[in-house]
Amino acid sequence: MRELSLTELDTERTELLPTRETLSFGNSNWASIVANNSSMALNAATFHSLAHSEAWQAITVTQG
């Protein structure tokens, strides 16, 4: 990657993107996001015991 000079930066131009139609409910857009994280661990606390752990994650997104 090379550095740009001030002259090169001065020649750069921007333009706005065109507006886009969106799905809407009446006059509003909304999104419902539900996230759930859970885990469980078990250790019998005895000599030479093993520990077991499981974790779950779920994310649900509803948009209207």
PDB file of N, CA and C in Angstrom:
ATOM      1  N   MET A   1       0.839  -1.167   0.000  1.00  0.00           N
ATOM      2  CA  MET A   1       0.000   0.000   0.000  1.00  0.00           C
ATOM      3  C   MET A   1       0.890   1.237   0.000  1.00  0.00           C
ATOM      4  N   ARG A   2       0.556   2.196  -0.815  1.00  0.00           N
ATOM      5  CA  ARG A   2       1.375   3.401  -0.860  1.00  0.00           C
ATOM      6  C   ARG A   2       0.599   4.580  -0.301  1.00  0.00           C
ATOM      7  N   GLU A   3       1.323   5.581   0.134  1.00  0.00           N
ATOM      8  CA  GLU A   3       0.681   6.782   0.671  1.00  0.00           C
ATOM      9  C   GLU A   3       0.213   7.668  -0.474  1.00  0.00           C
ATOM     10  N   LEU A   4      -0.901   8.367  -0.244  1.00  0.00           N
ATOM     11  CA  LEU A   4      -1.414   9.308  -1.236  1.00  0.00           C
ATOM     12  C   LEU A   4      -0.877  10.698  -0.919  1.00  0.00           C
ATOM     13  N   SER A   5      -0.577  11.440  -1.956  1.00  0.00           N
ATOM     14  CA  SER A   5      -0.139  12.820  -1.756  1.00  0.00           C
ATOM     15  C   SER A   5      -1.367  13.706  -1.551  1.00  0.00           C
ATOM     16  N   LEU A   6      -1.130  14.924  -1.067  1.00  0.00           N
ATOM     17  CA  LEU A   6      -2.243  15.863  -0.878  1.00  0.00           C
ATOM     18  C   LEU A   6      -2.892  16.208  -2.209  1.00  0.00           C
ATOM     19  N   THR A   7      -2.112  16.258  -3.282  1.00  0.00           N
ATOM     20  CA  THR A   7      -2.662  16.543  -4.611  1.00  0.00           C
ATOM     21  C   THR A   7      -3.612  15.427  -5.042  1.00  0.00           C
ATOM     22  N   GLU A   8      -3.207  14.189  -4.800  1.00  0.00           N
ATOM     23  CA  GLU A   8      -4.077  13.060  -5.149  1.00  0.00           C
ATOM     24  C   GLU A   8      -5.349  13.068  -4.318  1.00  0.00           C
ATOM     25  N   LEU A   9      -5.223  13.407  -3.036  1.00  0.00           N
ATOM     26  CA  LEU A   9      -6.409  13.468  -2.180  1.00  0.00           C
ATOM     27  C   LEU A   9      -7.361  14.570  -2.629  1.00  0.00           C
ATOM     28  N   ASP A  10      -6.816  15.686  -3.098  1.00  0.00           N
ATOM     29  CA  ASP A  10      -7.657  16.787  -3.569  1.00  0.00           C
ATOM     30  C   ASP A  10      -8.472  16.416  -4.798  1.00  0.00           C
ATOM     31  N   THR A  11      -7.998  15.444  -5.576  1.00  0.00           N
ATOM     32  CA  THR A  11      -8.731  15.054  -6.779  1.00  0.00           C
ATOM     33  C   THR A  11      -9.848  14.052  -6.491  1.00  0.00           C
ATOM     34  N   GLU A  12      -9.878  13.506  -5.284  1.00  0.00           N
ATOM     35  CA  GLU A  12     -10.918  12.541  -4.921  1.00  0.00           C
ATOM     36  C   GLU A  12     -12.264  13.245  -4.765  1.00  0.00           C
ATOM     37  N   ARG A  13     -13.326  12.598  -5.210  1.00  0.00           N
ATOM     38  CA  ARG A  13     -14.685  13.138  -5.099  1.00  0.00           C
ATOM     39  C   ARG A  13     -15.609  12.080  -4.524  1.00  0.00           C
ATOM     40  N   THR A  14     -16.653  12.527  -3.893  1.00  0.00           N
ATOM     41  CA  THR A  14     -17.663  11.603  -3.354  1.00  0.00           C
ATOM     42  C   THR A  14     -19.009  11.924  -3.959  1.00  0.00           C
ATOM     43  N   GLU A  15     -19.889  10.963  -3.921  1.00  0.00           N
ATOM     44  CA  GLU A  15     -21.265  11.203  -4.355  1.00  0.00           C
ATOM     45  C   GLU A  15     -22.193  10.386  -3.464  1.00  0.00           C
ATOM     46  N   LEU A  16     -23.368  10.903  -3.273  1.00  0.00           N
ATOM     47  CA  LEU A  16     -24.346  10.213  -2.442  1.00  0.00           C
ATOM     48  C   LEU A  16     -24.945   9.047  -3.207  1.00  0.00           C
ATOM     49  N   LEU A  17     -25.198   7.974  -2.486  1.00  0.00           N
ATOM     50  CA  LEU A  17     -25.866   6.834  -3.093  1.00  0.00           C
ATOM     51  C   LEU A  17     -27.342   7.171  -3.287  1.00  0.00           C
ATOM     52  N   PRO A  18     -27.987   6.580  -4.288  1.00  0.00           N
ATOM     53  CA  PRO A  18     -29.412   6.847  -4.485  1.00  0.00           C
ATOM     54  C   PRO A  18     -30.229   6.277  -3.317  1.00  0.00           C
ATOM     55  N   THR A  19     -31.363   6.900  -3.060  1.00  0.00           N
ATOM     56  CA  THR A  19     -32.232   6.391  -2.001  1.00  0.00           C
ATOM     57  C   THR A  19     -32.791   5.050  -2.420  1.00  0.00           C
ATOM     58  N   ARG A  20     -33.077   4.220  -1.442  1.00  0.00           N
ATOM     59  CA  ARG A  20     -33.601   2.880  -1.724  1.00  0.00           C
ATOM     60  C   ARG A  20     -34.952   2.717  -1.049  1.00  0.00           C
ATOM     61  N   GLU A  21     -35.785   1.977  -1.704  1.00  0.00           N
ATOM     62  CA  GLU A  21     -37.068   1.644  -1.110  1.00  0.00           C
ATOM     63  C   GLU A  21     -36.847   0.578  -0.052  1.00  0.00           C
ATOM     64  N   THR A  22     -37.524   0.702   1.064  1.00  0.00           N
ATOM     65  CA  THR A  22     -37.415  -0.292   2.119  1.00  0.00           C
ATOM     66  C   THR A  22     -38.782  -0.863   2.436  1.00  0.00           C
ATOM     67  N   LEU A  23     -38.782  -2.068   2.927  1.00  0.00           N
ATOM     68  CA  LEU A  23     -40.030  -2.642   3.398  1.00  0.00           C
ATOM     69  C   LEU A  23     -40.440  -1.904   4.667  1.00  0.00           C
ATOM     70  N   SER A  24     -41.685  -1.587   4.788  1.00  0.00           N
ATOM     71  CA  SER A  24     -42.095  -0.843   5.977  1.00  0.00           C
ATOM     72  C   SER A  24     -43.460  -1.320   6.447  1.00  0.00           C
ATOM     73  N   PHE A  25     -43.709  -1.074   7.699  1.00  0.00           N
ATOM     74  CA  PHE A  25     -44.991  -1.357   8.323  1.00  0.00           C
ATOM     75  C   PHE A  25     -45.624  -0.010   8.592  1.00  0.00           C
ATOM     76  N   GLY A  26     -46.549   0.392   7.736  1.00  0.00           N
ATOM     77  CA  GLY A  26     -47.063   1.758   7.835  1.00  0.00           C
ATOM     78  C   GLY A  26     -45.967   2.705   7.408  1.00  0.00           C
ATOM     79  N   ASN A  27     -45.623   3.636   8.286  1.00  0.00           N
ATOM     80  CA  ASN A  27     -44.541   4.571   7.987  1.00  0.00           C
ATOM     81  C   ASN A  27     -43.301   4.295   8.817  1.00  0.00           C
ATOM     82  N   SER A  28     -43.171   3.100   9.363  1.00  0.00           N
ATOM     83  CA  SER A  28     -42.010   2.832  10.210  1.00  0.00           C
ATOM     84  C   SER A  28     -41.362   1.510   9.829  1.00  0.00           C
ATOM     85  N   ASN A  29     -40.071   1.441  10.025  1.00  0.00           N
ATOM     86  CA  ASN A  29     -39.306   0.209   9.859  1.00  0.00           C
ATOM     87  C   ASN A  29     -38.902  -0.258  11.241  1.00  0.00           C
ATOM     88  N   TRP A  30     -38.870  -1.539  11.472  1.00  0.00           N
ATOM     89  CA  TRP A  30     -38.488  -2.047  12.791  1.00  0.00           C
ATOM     90  C   TRP A  30     -37.801  -3.385  12.652  1.00  0.00           C
ATOM     91  N   ALA A  31     -37.019  -3.711  13.637  1.00  0.00           N
ATOM     92  CA  ALA A  31     -36.368  -5.015  13.706  1.00  0.00           C
ATOM     93  C   ALA A  31     -36.378  -5.456  15.157  1.00  0.00           C
ATOM     94  N   SER A  32     -36.763  -6.674  15.388  1.00  0.00           N
ATOM     95  CA  SER A  32     -36.763  -7.254  16.728  1.00  0.00           C
ATOM     96  C   SER A  32     -35.633  -8.266  16.794  1.00  0.00           C
ATOM     97  N   ILE A  33     -34.732  -8.092  17.753  1.00  0.00           N
ATOM     98  CA  ILE A  33     -33.589  -8.985  17.905  1.00  0.00           C
ATOM     99  C   ILE A  33     -33.632  -9.601  19.293  1.00  0.00           C
ATOM    100  N   VAL A  34     -33.612 -10.923  19.332  1.00  0.00           N
ATOM    101  CA  VAL A  34     -33.611 -11.651  20.598  1.00  0.00           C
ATOM    102  C   VAL A  34     -32.372 -12.533  20.617  1.00  0.00           C
ATOM    103  N   ALA A  35     -31.544 -12.381  21.654  1.00  0.00           N
ATOM    104  CA  ALA A  35     -30.335 -13.194  21.775  1.00  0.00           C
ATOM    105  C   ALA A  35     -30.398 -13.960  23.089  1.00  0.00           C
ATOM    106  N   ASN A  36     -29.972 -15.205  23.039  1.00  0.00           N
ATOM    107  CA  ASN A  36     -30.002 -16.056  24.224  1.00  0.00           C
ATOM    108  C   ASN A  36     -28.682 -16.800  24.316  1.00  0.00           C
ATOM    109  N   ASN A  37     -27.996 -16.644  25.438  1.00  0.00           N
ATOM    110  CA  ASN A  37     -26.768 -17.380  25.708  1.00  0.00           C
ATOM    111  C   ASN A  37     -26.980 -18.180  26.984  1.00  0.00           C
ATOM    112  N   SER A  38     -26.638 -19.435  26.971  1.00  0.00           N
ATOM    113  CA  SER A  38     -26.754 -20.236  28.190  1.00  0.00           C
ATOM    114  C   SER A  38     -25.640 -21.269  28.220  1.00  0.00           C
ATOM    115  N   SER A  39     -25.260 -21.649  29.414  1.00  0.00           N
ATOM    116  CA  SER A  39     -24.238 -22.677  29.558  1.00  0.00           C
ATOM    117  C   SER A  39     -24.504 -23.476  30.822  1.00  0.00           C
ATOM    118  N   MET A  40     -23.937 -24.669  30.857  1.00  0.00           N
ATOM    119  CA  MET A  40     -24.121 -25.546  32.007  1.00  0.00           C
ATOM    120  C   MET A  40     -22.808 -26.282  32.238  1.00  0.00           C
ATOM    121  N   ALA A  41     -22.382 -26.361  33.496  1.00  0.00           N
ATOM    122  CA  ALA A  41     -21.156 -27.079  33.831  1.00  0.00           C
ATOM    123  C   ALA A  41     -21.440 -28.026  34.986  1.00  0.00           C
ATOM    124  N   LEU A  42     -20.775 -29.163  34.961  1.00  0.00           N
ATOM    125  CA  LEU A  42     -20.959 -30.157  36.016  1.00  0.00           C
ATOM    126  C   LEU A  42     -19.586 -30.695  36.409  1.00  0.00           C
ATOM    127  N   ASN A  43     -19.320 -30.673  37.698  1.00  0.00           N
ATOM    128  CA  ASN A  43     -18.086 -31.250  38.229  1.00  0.00           C
ATOM    129  C   ASN A  43     -18.461 -31.972  39.510  1.00  0.00           C
ATOM    130  N   ALA A  44     -18.181 -33.258  39.576  1.00  0.00           N
ATOM    131  CA  ALA A  44     -18.584 -34.063  40.729  1.00  0.00           C
ATOM    132  C   ALA A  44     -17.725 -33.785  41.964  1.00  0.00           C
ATOM    133  N   ALA A  45     -16.631 -33.026  41.829  1.00  0.00           N
ATOM    134  CA  ALA A  45     -15.774 -32.616  42.946  1.00  0.00           C
ATOM    135  C   ALA A  45     -15.187 -33.804  43.701  1.00  0.00           C
ATOM    136  N   THR A  46     -14.820 -34.831  42.998  1.00  0.00           N
ATOM    137  CA  THR A  46     -14.152 -35.971  43.622  1.00  0.00           C
ATOM    138  C   THR A  46     -12.778 -36.129  43.004  1.00  0.00           C
ATOM    139  N   PHE A  47     -11.920 -36.889  43.639  1.00  0.00           N
ATOM    140  CA  PHE A  47     -10.577 -37.101  43.145  1.00  0.00           C
ATOM    141  C   PHE A  47     -10.629 -37.744  41.759  1.00  0.00           C
ATOM    142  N   HIS A  48      -9.865 -37.231  40.836  1.00  0.00           N
ATOM    143  CA  HIS A  48      -9.839 -37.673  39.431  1.00  0.00           C
ATOM    144  C   HIS A  48     -11.190 -37.457  38.729  1.00  0.00           C
ATOM    145  N   SER A  49     -11.942 -36.483  39.165  1.00  0.00           N
ATOM    146  CA  SER A  49     -13.227 -36.240  38.512  1.00  0.00           C
ATOM    147  C   SER A  49     -13.023 -35.482  37.197  1.00  0.00           C
ATOM    148  N   LEU A  50     -13.999 -35.563  36.353  1.00  0.00           N
ATOM    149  CA  LEU A  50     -13.986 -34.854  35.086  1.00  0.00           C
ATOM    150  C   LEU A  50     -15.013 -33.737  35.140  1.00  0.00           C
ATOM    151  N   ALA A  51     -14.726 -32.658  34.472  1.00  0.00           N
ATOM    152  CA  ALA A  51     -15.685 -31.558  34.371  1.00  0.00           C
ATOM    153  C   ALA A  51     -16.218 -31.528  32.950  1.00  0.00           C
ATOM    154  N   HIS A  52     -17.485 -31.317  32.816  1.00  0.00           N
ATOM    155  CA  HIS A  52     -18.125 -31.256  31.507  1.00  0.00           C
ATOM    156  C   HIS A  52     -18.897 -29.948  31.426  1.00  0.00           C
ATOM    157  N   SER A  53     -18.757 -29.259  30.316  1.00  0.00           N
ATOM    158  CA  SER A  53     -19.456 -27.992  30.140  1.00  0.00           C
ATOM    159  C   SER A  53     -20.015 -27.922  28.729  1.00  0.00           C
ATOM    160  N   GLU A  54     -21.197 -27.349  28.601  1.00  0.00           N
ATOM    161  CA  GLU A  54     -21.819 -27.129  27.298  1.00  0.00           C
ATOM    162  C   GLU A  54     -22.308 -25.696  27.253  1.00  0.00           C
ATOM    163  N   ALA A  55     -22.286 -25.109  26.055  1.00  0.00           N
ATOM    164  CA  ALA A  55     -22.772 -23.749  25.885  1.00  0.00           C
ATOM    165  C   ALA A  55     -23.630 -23.695  24.622  1.00  0.00           C
ATOM    166  N   TRP A  56     -24.662 -22.889  24.669  1.00  0.00           N
ATOM    167  CA  TRP A  56     -25.580 -22.712  23.534  1.00  0.00           C
ATOM    168  C   TRP A  56     -25.766 -21.222  23.274  1.00  0.00           C
ATOM    169  N   GLN A  57     -25.976 -20.902  22.031  1.00  0.00           N
ATOM    170  CA  GLN A  57     -26.262 -19.526  21.663  1.00  0.00           C
ATOM    171  C   GLN A  57     -27.294 -19.523  20.538  1.00  0.00           C
ATOM    172  N   ALA A  58     -28.260 -18.635  20.642  1.00  0.00           N
ATOM    173  CA  ALA A  58     -29.271 -18.493  19.597  1.00  0.00           C
ATOM    174  C   ALA A  58     -29.574 -17.016  19.402  1.00  0.00           C
ATOM    175  N   ILE A  59     -29.671 -16.592  18.162  1.00  0.00           N
ATOM    176  CA  ILE A  59     -30.034 -15.212  17.843  1.00  0.00           C
ATOM    177  C   ILE A  59     -31.153 -15.256  16.812  1.00  0.00           C
ATOM    178  N   THR A  60     -32.241 -14.570  17.111  1.00  0.00           N
ATOM    179  CA  THR A  60     -33.386 -14.508  16.204  1.00  0.00           C
ATOM    180  C   THR A  60     -33.625 -13.049  15.816  1.00  0.00           C
ATOM    181  N   VAL A  61     -33.724 -12.797  14.522  1.00  0.00           N
ATOM    182  CA  VAL A  61     -33.968 -11.431  14.028  1.00  0.00           C
ATOM    183  C   VAL A  61     -35.259 -11.460  13.209  1.00  0.00           C
ATOM    184  N   THR A  62     -36.174 -10.579  13.572  1.00  0.00           N
ATOM    185  CA  THR A  62     -37.427 -10.429  12.832  1.00  0.00           C
ATOM    186  C   THR A  62     -37.499  -8.985  12.367  1.00  0.00           C
ATOM    187  N   GLN A  63     -37.735  -8.785  11.086  1.00  0.00           N
ATOM    188  CA  GLN A  63     -37.786  -7.426  10.562  1.00  0.00           C
ATOM    189  C   GLN A  63     -39.114  -7.190   9.876  1.00  0.00           C
ATOM    190  N   GLY A  64     -39.643  -6.032  10.095  1.00  0.00           N
ATOM    191  CA  GLY A  64     -40.917  -5.712   9.477  1.00  0.00           C
ATOM    192  C   GLY A  64     -40.986  -4.307   9.012  1.00  0.00           C
TER     193      GLY A  64
END
